[in-house]
Amino acid sequence: MGGFTSFAPVWAGRECKTRTLIHDSNAIPGRANKLTAKFCDTILLGFEECGAYFAPEKAKRTVGTPIRSALLKAAQESMEDPHKFFGLS
């Protein structure tokens, strides 16, 4: 999923001549993902706008951000209006 822990496996994959990729779920990527992306074949994005922060020649694909099925189920079961819940107009 990217971040500082992804650099070592991406580097190892590159050394083994295996295709590599990272996934960034943020709207603005962190430094670790920007560095690691230089060694990746493809960058998967949670938000299309995030792609502007990576080199234009890099392959990018917007795939969204995966969530656990339990979170999706809880969101579907909770029909309370979020504006009312947070007291927003």
N, C-alpha and C. Protein backbone atom coordinates (compact mmCIF):
# COMPACT_ATOMS: atom_id res chain seq x y z
N MET A 1 0.83 -1.20 0.00
CA MET A 1 0.00 0.00 0.00
C MET A 1 0.87 1.25 0.00
N GLY A 2 2.12 1.12 -0.19
CA GLY A 2 2.97 2.31 -0.20
C GLY A 2 3.51 2.60 1.19
N GLY A 3 4.10 3.76 1.35
CA GLY A 3 4.70 4.14 2.61
C GLY A 3 6.13 3.64 2.72
N PHE A 4 6.79 4.01 3.82
CA PHE A 4 8.21 3.70 3.95
C PHE A 4 8.50 2.21 3.95
N THR A 5 7.55 1.39 4.39
CA THR A 5 7.80 -0.06 4.42
C THR A 5 7.76 -0.70 3.04
N SER A 6 7.27 0.02 2.04
CA SER A 6 7.16 -0.57 0.71
C SER A 6 8.45 -0.46 -0.11
N PHE A 7 9.37 0.38 0.33
CA PHE A 7 10.57 0.59 -0.48
C PHE A 7 11.38 -0.70 -0.65
N ALA A 8 11.62 -1.43 0.42
CA ALA A 8 12.45 -2.64 0.35
C ALA A 8 11.86 -3.69 -0.60
N PRO A 9 10.56 -4.03 -0.50
CA PRO A 9 10.04 -5.02 -1.44
C PRO A 9 10.00 -4.51 -2.89
N VAL A 10 9.76 -3.22 -3.07
CA VAL A 10 9.79 -2.66 -4.43
C VAL A 10 11.20 -2.76 -5.00
N TRP A 11 12.18 -2.43 -4.19
CA TRP A 11 13.58 -2.51 -4.65
C TRP A 11 13.94 -3.97 -4.98
N ALA A 12 13.53 -4.89 -4.11
CA ALA A 12 13.81 -6.31 -4.35
C ALA A 12 13.12 -6.78 -5.63
N GLY A 13 11.90 -6.37 -5.84
CA GLY A 13 11.19 -6.72 -7.06
C GLY A 13 11.88 -6.18 -8.30
N ARG A 14 12.37 -4.98 -8.19
CA ARG A 14 13.11 -4.38 -9.31
C ARG A 14 14.39 -5.16 -9.60
N GLU A 15 15.09 -5.53 -8.56
CA GLU A 15 16.32 -6.31 -8.72
C GLU A 15 16.05 -7.68 -9.34
N CYS A 16 14.87 -8.24 -9.05
CA CYS A 16 14.48 -9.53 -9.61
C CYS A 16 13.80 -9.40 -10.97
N LYS A 17 13.77 -8.17 -11.47
CA LYS A 17 13.14 -7.88 -12.77
C LYS A 17 11.66 -8.26 -12.79
N THR A 18 10.99 -8.01 -11.66
CA THR A 18 9.56 -8.23 -11.51
C THR A 18 8.85 -6.89 -11.59
N ARG A 19 7.67 -6.87 -12.18
CA ARG A 19 6.92 -5.62 -12.23
C ARG A 19 6.55 -5.21 -10.80
N THR A 20 6.63 -3.91 -10.53
CA THR A 20 6.36 -3.40 -9.19
C THR A 20 5.32 -2.29 -9.26
N LEU A 21 4.62 -2.12 -8.14
CA LEU A 21 3.64 -1.03 -8.05
C LEU A 21 3.45 -0.66 -6.60
N ILE A 22 2.90 0.54 -6.42
CA ILE A 22 2.48 0.98 -5.09
C ILE A 22 1.05 1.49 -5.22
N HIS A 23 0.39 1.62 -4.09
CA HIS A 23 -0.96 2.18 -4.04
C HIS A 23 -0.94 3.33 -3.05
N ASP A 24 -1.42 4.49 -3.47
CA ASP A 24 -1.50 5.65 -2.58
C ASP A 24 -2.95 6.04 -2.42
N SER A 25 -3.46 5.95 -1.19
CA SER A 25 -4.86 6.26 -0.92
C SER A 25 -5.09 7.73 -0.59
N ASN A 26 -4.02 8.50 -0.50
CA ASN A 26 -4.14 9.89 -0.10
C ASN A 26 -4.37 10.81 -1.30
N ALA A 27 -4.92 11.98 -1.03
CA ALA A 27 -5.07 12.99 -2.08
C ALA A 27 -3.73 13.62 -2.40
N ILE A 28 -2.86 13.69 -1.40
CA ILE A 28 -1.49 14.21 -1.58
C ILE A 28 -0.54 13.15 -1.03
N PRO A 29 0.32 12.59 -1.89
CA PRO A 29 1.20 11.52 -1.44
C PRO A 29 2.30 12.02 -0.51
N GLY A 30 2.76 11.12 0.34
CA GLY A 30 3.87 11.45 1.23
C GLY A 30 5.22 11.28 0.53
N ARG A 31 6.27 11.67 1.21
CA ARG A 31 7.62 11.59 0.63
C ARG A 31 8.03 10.16 0.31
N ALA A 32 7.66 9.23 1.17
CA ALA A 32 8.06 7.84 0.94
C ALA A 32 7.47 7.31 -0.37
N ASN A 33 6.22 7.59 -0.63
CA ASN A 33 5.61 7.12 -1.87
C ASN A 33 6.18 7.83 -3.08
N LYS A 34 6.49 9.10 -2.95
CA LYS A 34 7.09 9.82 -4.08
C LYS A 34 8.45 9.21 -4.43
N LEU A 35 9.23 8.85 -3.41
CA LEU A 35 10.53 8.23 -3.66
C LEU A 35 10.36 6.83 -4.23
N THR A 36 9.54 6.01 -3.59
CA THR A 36 9.34 4.64 -4.03
C THR A 36 8.78 4.57 -5.45
N ALA A 37 7.93 5.51 -5.80
CA ALA A 37 7.30 5.53 -7.13
C ALA A 37 8.33 5.60 -8.25
N LYS A 38 9.46 6.18 -7.97
CA LYS A 38 10.52 6.28 -8.99
C LYS A 38 11.01 4.91 -9.44
N PHE A 39 10.82 3.90 -8.60
CA PHE A 39 11.31 2.55 -8.88
C PHE A 39 10.18 1.60 -9.26
N CYS A 40 8.96 2.11 -9.38
CA CYS A 40 7.79 1.29 -9.69
C CYS A 40 7.43 1.38 -11.17
N ASP A 41 6.79 0.33 -11.65
CA ASP A 41 6.27 0.33 -13.01
C ASP A 41 4.93 1.06 -13.08
N THR A 42 4.12 0.88 -12.05
CA THR A 42 2.77 1.45 -12.05
C THR A 42 2.46 2.03 -10.67
N ILE A 43 1.72 3.13 -10.67
CA ILE A 43 1.26 3.75 -9.43
C ILE A 43 -0.26 3.66 -9.42
N LEU A 44 -0.81 3.00 -8.41
CA LEU A 44 -2.25 2.91 -8.24
C LEU A 44 -2.69 4.03 -7.31
N LEU A 45 -3.77 4.71 -7.68
CA LEU A 45 -4.20 5.90 -6.94
C LEU A 45 -5.59 5.71 -6.33
N GLY A 46 -5.74 6.24 -5.13
CA GLY A 46 -7.06 6.29 -4.52
C GLY A 46 -7.87 7.44 -5.10
N PHE A 47 -7.19 8.54 -5.44
CA PHE A 47 -7.80 9.73 -6.01
C PHE A 47 -7.04 10.13 -7.26
N GLU A 48 -7.75 10.40 -8.33
CA GLU A 48 -7.11 10.77 -9.60
C GLU A 48 -6.20 11.99 -9.44
N GLU A 49 -6.60 12.95 -8.62
CA GLU A 49 -5.83 14.18 -8.43
C GLU A 49 -4.43 13.91 -7.88
N CYS A 50 -4.27 12.81 -7.19
CA CYS A 50 -2.98 12.45 -6.60
C CYS A 50 -1.93 12.21 -7.69
N GLY A 51 -2.35 11.80 -8.87
CA GLY A 51 -1.43 11.50 -9.96
C GLY A 51 -0.56 12.68 -10.36
N ALA A 52 -1.02 13.89 -10.14
CA ALA A 52 -0.26 15.09 -10.51
C ALA A 52 1.04 15.21 -9.71
N TYR A 53 1.15 14.52 -8.59
CA TYR A 53 2.33 14.61 -7.75
C TYR A 53 3.44 13.63 -8.15
N PHE A 54 3.14 12.78 -9.12
CA PHE A 54 4.12 11.80 -9.58
C PHE A 54 4.58 12.17 -10.98
N ALA A 55 5.73 11.65 -11.37
CA ALA A 55 6.31 11.95 -12.69
C ALA A 55 5.30 11.64 -13.80
N PRO A 56 5.18 12.55 -14.77
CA PRO A 56 4.17 12.36 -15.83
C PRO A 56 4.38 11.10 -16.67
N GLU A 57 5.62 10.65 -16.79
CA GLU A 57 5.89 9.46 -17.62
C GLU A 57 5.54 8.15 -16.93
N LYS A 58 5.25 8.20 -15.64
CA LYS A 58 4.90 6.98 -14.90
C LYS A 58 3.47 6.54 -15.22
N ALA A 59 3.27 5.23 -15.35
CA ALA A 59 1.93 4.68 -15.56
C ALA A 59 1.15 4.84 -14.27
N LYS A 60 -0.07 5.36 -14.38
CA LYS A 60 -0.92 5.57 -13.21
C LYS A 60 -2.31 5.02 -13.52
N ARG A 61 -2.95 4.53 -12.47
CA ARG A 61 -4.31 4.01 -12.63
C ARG A 61 -5.09 4.33 -11.36
N THR A 62 -6.22 5.00 -11.51
CA THR A 62 -7.07 5.31 -10.37
C THR A 62 -7.96 4.11 -10.08
N VAL A 63 -7.81 3.55 -8.89
CA VAL A 63 -8.55 2.34 -8.52
C VAL A 63 -9.38 2.53 -7.26
N GLY A 64 -9.30 3.70 -6.64
CA GLY A 64 -10.03 3.93 -5.40
C GLY A 64 -9.26 3.36 -4.21
N THR A 65 -9.92 3.34 -3.08
CA THR A 65 -9.30 2.84 -1.86
C THR A 65 -10.10 1.66 -1.33
N PRO A 66 -9.48 0.49 -1.22
CA PRO A 66 -10.23 -0.66 -0.70
C PRO A 66 -10.57 -0.50 0.77
N ILE A 67 -11.75 -0.99 1.13
CA ILE A 67 -12.16 -0.98 2.54
C ILE A 67 -12.63 -2.37 2.93
N ARG A 68 -12.56 -2.65 4.22
CA ARG A 68 -13.04 -3.94 4.71
C ARG A 68 -14.55 -4.05 4.53
N SER A 69 -15.03 -5.23 4.24
CA SER A 69 -16.46 -5.43 4.04
C SER A 69 -17.26 -5.07 5.28
N ALA A 70 -16.67 -5.24 6.47
CA ALA A 70 -17.37 -4.90 7.72
C ALA A 70 -17.65 -3.39 7.78
N LEU A 71 -16.74 -2.57 7.29
CA LEU A 71 -16.97 -1.13 7.29
C LEU A 71 -18.06 -0.76 6.30
N LEU A 72 -18.04 -1.38 5.14
CA LEU A 72 -19.06 -1.11 4.14
C LEU A 72 -20.44 -1.51 4.67
N LYS A 73 -20.52 -2.66 5.31
CA LYS A 73 -21.79 -3.14 5.86
C LYS A 73 -22.30 -2.17 6.93
N ALA A 74 -21.42 -1.73 7.81
CA ALA A 74 -21.81 -0.79 8.88
C ALA A 74 -22.31 0.52 8.28
N ALA A 75 -21.67 0.99 7.24
CA ALA A 75 -22.09 2.24 6.60
C ALA A 75 -23.45 2.08 5.96
N GLN A 76 -23.71 0.93 5.37
CA GLN A 76 -25.00 0.69 4.72
C GLN A 76 -26.12 0.54 5.74
N GLU A 77 -25.80 -0.02 6.90
CA GLU A 77 -26.81 -0.23 7.93
C GLU A 77 -27.15 1.06 8.66
N SER A 78 -26.20 1.98 8.74
CA SER A 78 -26.41 3.24 9.43
C SER A 78 -27.01 4.24 8.45
N MET A 79 -28.27 4.51 8.59
CA MET A 79 -28.94 5.42 7.67
C MET A 79 -29.14 6.80 8.29
N GLU A 80 -28.52 7.05 9.44
CA GLU A 80 -28.66 8.34 10.09
C GLU A 80 -28.03 9.43 9.23
N ASP A 81 -28.69 10.55 9.14
CA ASP A 81 -28.20 11.67 8.35
C ASP A 81 -26.93 12.22 8.99
N PRO A 82 -25.79 12.22 8.28
CA PRO A 82 -24.54 12.69 8.87
C PRO A 82 -24.59 14.17 9.26
N HIS A 83 -25.37 14.98 8.55
CA HIS A 83 -25.49 16.39 8.92
C HIS A 83 -26.14 16.53 10.29
N LYS A 84 -27.18 15.75 10.50
CA LYS A 84 -27.86 15.76 11.80
C LYS A 84 -26.95 15.20 12.89
N PHE A 85 -26.27 14.10 12.62
CA PHE A 85 -25.39 13.46 13.61
C PHE A 85 -24.33 14.42 14.12
N PHE A 86 -23.73 15.20 13.18
CA PHE A 86 -22.65 16.13 13.56
C PHE A 86 -23.15 17.54 13.86
N GLY A 87 -24.47 17.75 13.78
CA GLY A 87 -25.03 19.07 14.06
C GLY A 87 -24.65 20.12 13.04
N LEU A 88 -24.60 19.72 11.77
CA LEU A 88 -24.21 20.64 10.70
C LEU A 88 -25.44 21.12 9.93
N SER A 89 -25.35 22.33 9.42
CA SER A 89 -26.46 22.84 8.60
C SER A 89 -26.22 22.51 7.14
